[in-house]
N, C-alpha and C. Protein backbone atom coordinates (compact mmCIF):
# COMPACT_ATOMS: atom_id res chain seq x y z
N MET A 1 144.44 78.28 148.81
CA MET A 1 143.12 78.51 149.34
C MET A 1 142.09 78.28 148.23
N LYS A 2 141.02 77.59 148.53
CA LYS A 2 139.96 77.30 147.56
C LYS A 2 139.07 78.53 147.38
N LYS A 3 138.41 78.60 146.22
CA LYS A 3 137.57 79.75 145.92
C LYS A 3 136.48 79.97 146.96
N GLU A 4 135.86 78.89 147.43
CA GLU A 4 134.81 79.05 148.43
C GLU A 4 135.37 79.61 149.73
N ASP A 5 136.60 79.23 150.08
CA ASP A 5 137.24 79.79 151.27
C ASP A 5 137.50 81.28 151.09
N ILE A 6 137.91 81.67 149.89
CA ILE A 6 138.14 83.08 149.59
C ILE A 6 136.83 83.85 149.69
N ARG A 7 135.76 83.31 149.10
CA ARG A 7 134.46 83.97 149.18
C ARG A 7 134.03 84.17 150.63
N ARG A 8 134.19 83.14 151.44
CA ARG A 8 133.78 83.20 152.85
C ARG A 8 134.60 84.26 153.60
N LEU A 9 135.91 84.29 153.37
CA LEU A 9 136.79 85.25 154.03
C LEU A 9 136.42 86.68 153.64
N ILE A 10 136.24 86.92 152.37
CA ILE A 10 135.90 88.27 151.89
C ILE A 10 134.53 88.69 152.41
N ARG A 11 133.58 87.78 152.39
CA ARG A 11 132.25 88.09 152.91
C ARG A 11 132.32 88.53 154.38
N SER A 12 133.12 87.83 155.17
CA SER A 12 133.24 88.19 156.59
C SER A 12 133.95 89.54 156.76
N CYS A 13 134.95 89.82 155.95
CA CYS A 13 135.64 91.13 156.01
C CYS A 13 134.69 92.26 155.61
N LYS A 14 133.92 92.05 154.54
CA LYS A 14 132.99 93.10 154.09
C LYS A 14 131.90 93.37 155.11
N SER A 15 131.52 92.36 155.87
CA SER A 15 130.46 92.55 156.86
C SER A 15 130.89 93.49 157.99
N LEU A 16 132.20 93.72 158.13
CA LEU A 16 132.71 94.60 159.17
C LEU A 16 132.68 96.08 158.76
N LEU A 17 132.45 96.35 157.48
CA LEU A 17 132.46 97.73 156.99
C LEU A 17 131.13 98.41 157.27
N ASP A 18 131.18 99.68 157.69
CA ASP A 18 129.94 100.43 157.85
C ASP A 18 129.61 101.14 156.53
N ASP A 19 128.46 101.80 156.48
CA ASP A 19 128.01 102.44 155.25
C ASP A 19 128.98 103.50 154.75
N ALA A 20 129.54 104.27 155.65
CA ALA A 20 130.49 105.32 155.25
C ALA A 20 131.74 104.72 154.62
N GLU A 21 132.22 103.63 155.18
CA GLU A 21 133.40 102.96 154.61
C GLU A 21 133.09 102.38 153.23
N ARG A 22 131.90 101.83 153.07
CA ARG A 22 131.48 101.29 151.76
C ARG A 22 131.40 102.40 150.72
N ARG A 23 130.78 103.53 151.10
CA ARG A 23 130.68 104.66 150.16
C ARG A 23 132.05 105.19 149.79
N ALA A 24 132.94 105.32 150.77
CA ALA A 24 134.29 105.83 150.50
C ALA A 24 135.06 104.87 149.59
N ALA A 25 134.90 103.57 149.80
CA ALA A 25 135.58 102.59 148.95
C ALA A 25 135.07 102.68 147.52
N ALA A 26 133.76 102.79 147.36
CA ALA A 26 133.18 102.90 146.01
C ALA A 26 133.68 104.17 145.33
N GLU A 27 133.74 105.25 146.07
CA GLU A 27 134.22 106.51 145.51
C GLU A 27 135.67 106.39 145.03
N ARG A 28 136.51 105.76 145.84
CA ARG A 28 137.92 105.58 145.45
C ARG A 28 138.05 104.73 144.19
N VAL A 29 137.31 103.63 144.15
CA VAL A 29 137.40 102.72 143.00
C VAL A 29 136.90 103.41 141.73
N PHE A 30 135.75 104.06 141.80
CA PHE A 30 135.19 104.67 140.59
C PHE A 30 135.94 105.93 140.18
N ASN A 31 136.53 106.65 141.12
CA ASN A 31 137.42 107.77 140.74
C ASN A 31 138.61 107.26 139.96
N ARG A 32 139.15 106.15 140.41
CA ARG A 32 140.29 105.56 139.69
C ARG A 32 139.89 105.10 138.29
N LEU A 33 138.71 104.50 138.18
CA LEU A 33 138.21 104.07 136.87
C LEU A 33 138.03 105.28 135.95
N GLU A 34 137.45 106.36 136.47
CA GLU A 34 137.23 107.57 135.66
C GLU A 34 138.53 108.15 135.11
N GLN A 35 139.62 107.95 135.82
CA GLN A 35 140.90 108.49 135.39
C GLN A 35 141.66 107.58 134.43
N SER A 36 141.12 106.39 134.20
CA SER A 36 141.81 105.45 133.31
C SER A 36 141.60 105.83 131.85
N ALA A 37 142.61 105.57 131.05
CA ALA A 37 142.52 105.85 129.61
C ALA A 37 141.39 105.02 128.98
N ALA A 38 141.24 103.80 129.43
CA ALA A 38 140.19 102.93 128.87
C ALA A 38 138.81 103.55 129.05
N PHE A 39 138.55 104.11 130.23
CA PHE A 39 137.25 104.73 130.46
C PHE A 39 137.11 106.02 129.66
N MET A 40 138.15 106.83 129.65
CA MET A 40 138.10 108.10 128.93
C MET A 40 137.82 107.89 127.45
N MET A 41 138.37 106.84 126.89
CA MET A 41 138.22 106.58 125.45
C MET A 41 136.94 105.82 125.12
N ALA A 42 136.31 105.20 126.08
CA ALA A 42 135.13 104.36 125.82
C ALA A 42 133.88 105.19 125.60
N ASP A 43 133.12 104.81 124.59
CA ASP A 43 131.79 105.39 124.38
C ASP A 43 130.72 104.50 125.01
N THR A 44 130.91 103.19 124.87
CA THR A 44 129.94 102.23 125.40
C THR A 44 130.59 101.44 126.53
N VAL A 45 129.88 101.36 127.66
CA VAL A 45 130.42 100.72 128.85
C VAL A 45 129.41 99.71 129.39
N LEU A 46 129.84 98.49 129.53
CA LEU A 46 129.05 97.48 130.22
C LEU A 46 129.45 97.51 131.68
N ILE A 47 128.48 97.71 132.56
CA ILE A 47 128.74 97.76 133.99
C ILE A 47 127.63 96.99 134.68
N TYR A 48 127.90 96.52 135.86
CA TYR A 48 126.90 95.78 136.62
C TYR A 48 126.08 96.73 137.48
N HIS A 49 124.87 96.33 137.81
CA HIS A 49 124.08 97.07 138.80
C HIS A 49 124.36 96.40 140.13
N SER A 50 124.90 97.14 141.06
CA SER A 50 125.42 96.56 142.29
C SER A 50 124.34 95.94 143.18
N LEU A 51 124.73 94.85 143.81
CA LEU A 51 123.95 94.23 144.87
C LEU A 51 124.31 94.93 146.18
N PRO A 52 123.51 94.76 147.22
CA PRO A 52 123.78 95.47 148.48
C PRO A 52 125.17 95.21 149.07
N ASP A 53 125.76 94.06 148.82
CA ASP A 53 127.07 93.77 149.41
C ASP A 53 128.24 94.11 148.48
N GLU A 54 127.95 94.78 147.35
CA GLU A 54 128.98 95.19 146.41
C GLU A 54 129.18 96.70 146.46
N LEU A 55 130.30 97.16 145.91
CA LEU A 55 130.50 98.60 145.78
C LEU A 55 129.37 99.16 144.92
N SER A 56 128.71 100.19 145.41
CA SER A 56 127.56 100.73 144.70
C SER A 56 127.98 101.39 143.39
N THR A 57 127.28 101.04 142.33
CA THR A 57 127.53 101.61 141.00
C THR A 57 126.54 102.73 140.67
N ILE A 58 125.55 102.96 141.52
CA ILE A 58 124.46 103.87 141.18
C ILE A 58 124.93 105.30 140.99
N ALA A 59 125.73 105.85 141.89
CA ALA A 59 126.22 107.22 141.74
C ALA A 59 127.07 107.36 140.48
N PHE A 60 127.89 106.36 140.20
CA PHE A 60 128.73 106.37 139.00
C PHE A 60 127.87 106.39 137.75
N LEU A 61 126.85 105.53 137.71
CA LEU A 61 125.94 105.49 136.55
C LEU A 61 125.25 106.84 136.36
N ASN A 62 124.77 107.41 137.45
CA ASN A 62 124.07 108.69 137.36
C ASN A 62 125.01 109.81 136.92
N LYS A 63 126.23 109.79 137.39
CA LYS A 63 127.20 110.83 137.04
C LYS A 63 127.53 110.85 135.55
N TRP A 64 127.69 109.67 134.96
CA TRP A 64 128.19 109.57 133.59
C TRP A 64 127.12 109.23 132.55
N ARG A 65 125.89 109.06 132.99
CA ARG A 65 124.83 108.60 132.08
C ARG A 65 124.64 109.50 130.86
N GLY A 66 124.80 110.77 130.98
CA GLY A 66 124.63 111.68 129.85
C GLY A 66 125.82 111.71 128.91
N THR A 67 126.95 111.17 129.34
CA THR A 67 128.18 111.23 128.57
C THR A 67 128.53 109.90 127.91
N LYS A 68 128.32 108.83 128.65
CA LYS A 68 128.63 107.48 128.16
C LYS A 68 127.33 106.72 127.91
N ARG A 69 127.37 105.76 127.01
CA ARG A 69 126.24 104.84 126.82
C ARG A 69 126.51 103.61 127.66
N PHE A 70 125.71 103.44 128.70
CA PHE A 70 125.87 102.31 129.60
C PHE A 70 124.95 101.17 129.20
N TYR A 71 125.47 99.97 129.42
CA TYR A 71 124.69 98.74 129.24
C TYR A 71 124.80 97.95 130.53
N LEU A 72 123.72 97.28 130.88
CA LEU A 72 123.69 96.42 132.05
C LEU A 72 123.39 95.00 131.60
N PRO A 73 123.92 94.02 132.32
CA PRO A 73 123.61 92.64 131.97
C PRO A 73 122.25 92.23 132.51
N ARG A 74 121.61 91.33 131.79
CA ARG A 74 120.39 90.67 132.25
C ARG A 74 120.64 89.18 132.17
N VAL A 75 120.43 88.49 133.28
CA VAL A 75 120.67 87.05 133.31
C VAL A 75 119.66 86.36 132.42
N ASN A 76 120.18 85.52 131.53
CA ASN A 76 119.36 84.74 130.60
C ASN A 76 119.84 83.30 130.69
N GLY A 77 119.31 82.56 131.65
CA GLY A 77 119.77 81.19 131.88
C GLY A 77 121.17 81.20 132.46
N VAL A 78 122.14 80.69 131.70
CA VAL A 78 123.54 80.68 132.15
C VAL A 78 124.37 81.74 131.44
N ASN A 79 123.71 82.60 130.68
CA ASN A 79 124.39 83.65 129.93
C ASN A 79 123.85 85.02 130.31
N LEU A 80 124.43 86.05 129.73
CA LEU A 80 124.00 87.42 129.97
C LEU A 80 123.59 88.08 128.67
N ASP A 81 122.45 88.77 128.69
CA ASP A 81 122.06 89.67 127.62
C ASP A 81 122.54 91.05 128.04
N LEU A 82 122.95 91.86 127.09
CA LEU A 82 123.46 93.20 127.37
C LEU A 82 122.47 94.22 126.85
N LEU A 83 121.85 94.96 127.78
CA LEU A 83 120.78 95.89 127.41
C LEU A 83 121.12 97.31 127.84
N PRO A 84 120.62 98.31 127.11
CA PRO A 84 120.91 99.70 127.45
C PRO A 84 120.34 100.07 128.82
N TYR A 85 121.08 100.90 129.51
CA TYR A 85 120.65 101.42 130.81
C TYR A 85 119.89 102.71 130.55
N ALA A 86 118.63 102.74 130.99
CA ALA A 86 117.78 103.91 130.78
C ALA A 86 117.40 104.56 132.10
N GLY A 87 118.16 104.31 133.14
CA GLY A 87 117.89 104.91 134.44
C GLY A 87 117.32 103.90 135.43
N GLU A 88 117.38 104.28 136.69
CA GLU A 88 116.94 103.38 137.78
C GLU A 88 115.46 103.02 137.66
N ASP A 89 114.65 103.95 137.18
CA ASP A 89 113.21 103.71 137.09
C ASP A 89 112.85 102.67 136.03
N ALA A 90 113.76 102.41 135.10
CA ALA A 90 113.49 101.47 134.01
C ALA A 90 113.96 100.05 134.32
N LEU A 91 114.42 99.81 135.55
CA LEU A 91 114.94 98.50 135.93
C LEU A 91 113.89 97.68 136.68
N VAL A 92 114.00 96.37 136.54
CA VAL A 92 113.15 95.44 137.28
C VAL A 92 114.06 94.48 138.03
N THR A 93 113.53 93.86 139.05
CA THR A 93 114.31 92.88 139.80
C THR A 93 114.26 91.55 139.04
N GLY A 94 115.44 91.07 138.69
CA GLY A 94 115.54 89.83 137.91
C GLY A 94 116.16 88.71 138.72
N ALA A 95 116.84 87.83 138.00
CA ALA A 95 117.47 86.66 138.62
C ALA A 95 118.45 87.10 139.70
N TYR A 96 118.54 86.33 140.76
CA TYR A 96 119.45 86.57 141.88
C TYR A 96 119.22 87.93 142.54
N ALA A 97 118.01 88.48 142.40
CA ALA A 97 117.63 89.77 142.98
C ALA A 97 118.45 90.93 142.43
N ILE A 98 118.92 90.80 141.20
CA ILE A 98 119.71 91.84 140.53
C ILE A 98 118.77 92.75 139.75
N ARG A 99 118.97 94.04 139.86
CA ARG A 99 118.18 95.01 139.08
C ARG A 99 118.69 94.97 137.64
N GLU A 100 117.75 94.75 136.71
CA GLU A 100 118.09 94.54 135.31
C GLU A 100 117.17 95.36 134.40
N PRO A 101 117.68 95.71 133.21
CA PRO A 101 116.83 96.37 132.22
C PRO A 101 115.85 95.37 131.61
N GLU A 102 114.74 95.88 131.13
CA GLU A 102 113.79 95.06 130.38
C GLU A 102 113.96 95.36 128.90
N GLY A 103 113.29 94.59 128.08
CA GLY A 103 113.29 94.86 126.65
C GLY A 103 114.04 93.81 125.85
N ASP A 104 114.13 94.08 124.55
CA ASP A 104 114.79 93.14 123.65
C ASP A 104 115.86 93.81 122.80
N GLU A 105 116.42 94.92 123.31
CA GLU A 105 117.43 95.68 122.59
C GLU A 105 118.84 95.20 122.92
N SER A 106 119.02 93.92 123.08
CA SER A 106 120.32 93.35 123.46
C SER A 106 121.36 93.61 122.38
N VAL A 107 122.57 93.93 122.83
CA VAL A 107 123.68 94.13 121.90
C VAL A 107 124.74 93.05 122.12
N SER A 108 125.59 92.89 121.16
CA SER A 108 126.70 91.96 121.24
C SER A 108 127.81 92.56 122.08
N ILE A 109 128.58 91.72 122.73
CA ILE A 109 129.74 92.19 123.50
C ILE A 109 130.72 92.92 122.59
N ASP A 110 130.71 92.63 121.30
CA ASP A 110 131.59 93.29 120.33
C ASP A 110 131.28 94.79 120.20
N GLU A 111 130.09 95.21 120.62
CA GLU A 111 129.71 96.61 120.52
C GLU A 111 130.08 97.40 121.77
N ILE A 112 130.69 96.74 122.74
CA ILE A 112 131.04 97.35 124.01
C ILE A 112 132.52 97.71 124.00
N ASP A 113 132.83 98.95 124.40
CA ASP A 113 134.22 99.40 124.45
C ASP A 113 134.93 99.03 125.75
N LEU A 114 134.20 99.00 126.84
CA LEU A 114 134.79 98.73 128.15
C LEU A 114 133.82 97.90 128.98
N VAL A 115 134.35 96.87 129.64
CA VAL A 115 133.55 96.00 130.49
C VAL A 115 134.03 96.15 131.93
N VAL A 116 133.11 96.52 132.83
CA VAL A 116 133.39 96.64 134.26
C VAL A 116 132.68 95.48 134.94
N VAL A 117 133.46 94.58 135.51
CA VAL A 117 132.94 93.31 136.03
C VAL A 117 133.00 93.28 137.55
N PRO A 118 131.93 92.84 138.19
CA PRO A 118 131.99 92.69 139.64
C PRO A 118 132.83 91.46 139.99
N GLY A 119 133.39 91.48 141.16
CA GLY A 119 134.16 90.32 141.62
C GLY A 119 134.20 90.29 143.13
N VAL A 120 134.27 89.11 143.65
CA VAL A 120 134.42 88.96 145.09
C VAL A 120 135.85 89.31 145.48
N ALA A 121 136.81 88.86 144.67
CA ALA A 121 138.23 89.11 144.94
C ALA A 121 139.01 89.01 143.64
N TYR A 122 140.14 89.72 143.62
CA TYR A 122 141.06 89.67 142.48
C TYR A 122 142.46 89.45 143.03
N ASP A 123 143.29 88.76 142.24
CA ASP A 123 144.69 88.66 142.65
C ASP A 123 145.49 89.74 141.92
N ARG A 124 146.78 89.79 142.17
CA ARG A 124 147.62 90.85 141.60
C ARG A 124 147.73 90.77 140.08
N THR A 125 147.42 89.63 139.49
CA THR A 125 147.50 89.49 138.04
C THR A 125 146.15 89.70 137.37
N GLY A 126 145.12 90.04 138.17
CA GLY A 126 143.80 90.31 137.60
C GLY A 126 142.88 89.11 137.54
N LYS A 127 143.33 87.96 138.03
CA LYS A 127 142.44 86.81 138.05
C LYS A 127 141.34 87.07 139.06
N ARG A 128 140.13 86.69 138.70
CA ARG A 128 138.94 87.06 139.44
C ARG A 128 138.27 85.85 140.08
N VAL A 129 137.76 86.07 141.28
CA VAL A 129 136.87 85.12 141.94
C VAL A 129 135.51 85.79 141.99
N GLY A 130 134.52 85.18 141.34
CA GLY A 130 133.17 85.73 141.34
C GLY A 130 132.31 85.03 142.38
N ARG A 131 131.03 85.03 142.12
CA ARG A 131 130.09 84.43 143.06
C ARG A 131 129.93 82.93 142.86
N GLY A 132 130.49 82.40 141.78
CA GLY A 132 130.51 80.95 141.62
C GLY A 132 129.62 80.37 140.54
N LYS A 133 128.88 81.20 139.82
CA LYS A 133 128.00 80.69 138.76
C LYS A 133 128.67 80.66 137.40
N GLY A 134 129.75 81.42 137.23
CA GLY A 134 130.48 81.43 135.96
C GLY A 134 129.85 82.25 134.86
N ILE A 135 128.84 83.03 135.18
CA ILE A 135 128.12 83.78 134.13
C ILE A 135 129.02 84.82 133.48
N TYR A 136 129.74 85.60 134.28
CA TYR A 136 130.66 86.59 133.70
C TYR A 136 131.83 85.92 133.02
N ASP A 137 132.29 84.80 133.54
CA ASP A 137 133.40 84.07 132.90
C ASP A 137 133.02 83.70 131.47
N ARG A 138 131.80 83.23 131.26
CA ARG A 138 131.36 82.87 129.90
C ARG A 138 131.32 84.11 129.01
N LEU A 139 130.85 85.23 129.54
CA LEU A 139 130.81 86.46 128.77
C LEU A 139 132.21 86.92 128.40
N LEU A 140 133.12 86.91 129.37
CA LEU A 140 134.47 87.42 129.14
C LEU A 140 135.26 86.55 128.15
N GLN A 141 134.92 85.27 128.05
CA GLN A 141 135.60 84.40 127.08
C GLN A 141 135.35 84.88 125.65
N SER A 142 134.23 85.57 125.42
CA SER A 142 133.90 86.01 124.07
C SER A 142 134.40 87.42 123.78
N CYS A 143 135.11 88.04 124.73
CA CYS A 143 135.65 89.40 124.50
C CYS A 143 136.96 89.32 123.74
């Protein structure tokens, strides 16, 4: 199956979920992340700010903001800048309608302990299908 076929299939499956199912799925995923050794040991976490069709990251960010230092990506051409998360009020709508931090306090991926990456689909070996721009793929190559 081609990546675009996978994206189309997943998009149609996600469209069948109601809000309660989306919230429950996000809760299950982020509860599992919270229990992972990688998360427990991480001080700095790069996470995405969710789009409406993705598992919401907002409750997770709010829950752990006082304990972990979160960074969010900001699209910069074909790459990502990594900026500190200072709360929902400090975000602006950027490229692709993604909520992003402002400022020039970008850090290197080397300063991040854990990277949480959005994906349209994953296989059993962890290979990811994203939205098709390759922006996260470029970032992950430097990890």
